[in-house]
Protein backbone atom coordinates (compact mmCIF):
# COMPACT_ATOMS: atom_id res chain seq x y z
CA MET A 1 7.11 3.69 21.20
CA LYS A 2 6.67 0.09 20.10
CA LYS A 3 9.19 -2.09 18.34
CA PRO A 4 8.20 -5.36 16.62
CA ILE A 5 10.10 -8.47 17.70
CA TYR A 6 9.65 -11.82 15.95
CA LEU A 7 9.76 -14.83 18.27
CA VAL A 8 10.74 -18.18 16.74
CA GLN A 9 8.90 -21.04 18.43
CA SER A 10 8.90 -24.81 18.11
CA CYS A 11 6.08 -27.34 18.47
CA PRO A 12 5.87 -31.13 17.93
CA ARG A 13 4.79 -31.91 14.37
CA ASP A 14 1.73 -34.03 15.26
CA GLU A 15 0.43 -31.43 17.72
CA PHE A 16 0.93 -28.66 15.13
CA LYS A 17 -1.05 -30.64 12.52
CA ARG A 18 -3.92 -31.31 14.96
CA ALA A 19 -4.12 -27.61 15.83
CA ALA A 20 -4.04 -26.65 12.14
CA LYS A 21 -6.93 -29.01 11.40
CA LYS A 22 -8.90 -27.29 14.18
CA GLY A 23 -8.23 -23.94 12.49
CA MET A 24 -5.85 -22.58 15.12
CA LYS A 25 -3.47 -19.84 13.99
CA CYS A 26 0.22 -19.63 14.95
CA ASP A 27 -0.27 -16.56 17.13
CA VAL A 28 -2.45 -18.55 19.60
CA MET A 29 -0.49 -21.81 19.45
CA GLY A 30 1.52 -20.76 22.50
CA LEU A 31 -1.65 -20.76 24.59
CA HIS A 32 -2.96 -24.18 23.55
CA GLY A 33 -0.03 -26.49 23.17
CA GLU A 34 3.42 -27.70 24.01
CA VAL A 35 5.32 -24.78 22.48
CA LEU A 36 8.93 -23.85 23.20
CA PRO A 37 10.11 -20.27 22.56
CA LEU A 38 13.60 -20.52 21.09
CA TRP A 39 14.97 -17.13 20.04
CA ALA A 40 13.86 -13.70 18.87
CA THR A 41 14.93 -11.52 15.95
CA SER A 42 14.17 -7.95 14.95
CA SER A 43 13.76 -8.82 11.27
CA LYS A 44 10.78 -10.71 9.86
CA LYS A 45 12.83 -11.86 6.88
CA GLU A 46 15.49 -13.35 9.17
CA ALA A 47 12.86 -15.13 11.30
CA ILE A 48 11.19 -16.63 8.23
CA ASN A 49 14.53 -17.82 6.84
CA ASP A 50 15.41 -19.40 10.20
CA CYS A 51 12.09 -21.27 10.26
CA ARG A 52 12.45 -22.45 6.66
CA ARG A 53 15.99 -23.66 7.25
CA ASN A 54 15.05 -25.57 10.43
CA ASN A 55 11.82 -27.03 9.00
CA ARG A 56 13.77 -28.56 6.10
CA LEU A 57 16.18 -30.52 8.30
CA PRO A 58 15.72 -34.27 7.79
CA GLY A 59 14.39 -36.32 10.70
CA MET A 60 13.06 -33.36 12.69
CA ASP A 61 9.95 -33.96 14.79
CA ASN A 62 9.30 -30.26 15.42
CA ILE A 63 7.74 -27.48 13.38
CA TYR A 64 9.22 -23.98 13.68
CA PHE A 65 7.01 -20.90 13.32
CA ILE A 66 7.10 -17.20 14.20
CA ASP A 67 4.97 -15.02 16.43
CA LEU A 68 4.96 -11.21 16.41
CA ILE A 69 5.56 -9.53 19.77
CA ASP A 70 5.30 -5.76 20.26
CA LEU A 71 8.00 -4.51 22.62
CA PHE A 72 7.06 -1.20 24.24
CA ASN A 73 9.82 1.15 25.46
């Protein structure tokens, strides 16, 4: 039985923009950059709201994004 878990990750803004220009998707960003896993949630809506709230903070040099992880029991 698999259960979806949404991992919230952080990456420096300039590195995120360079990867986006190369066409890299968020699900492979963890393999190609300086990405920090921060926390996980079981709800996609909660993960998206967390990312939106943290991306709107003034003076932040990081971009927050989510990655889907399948947890198998």
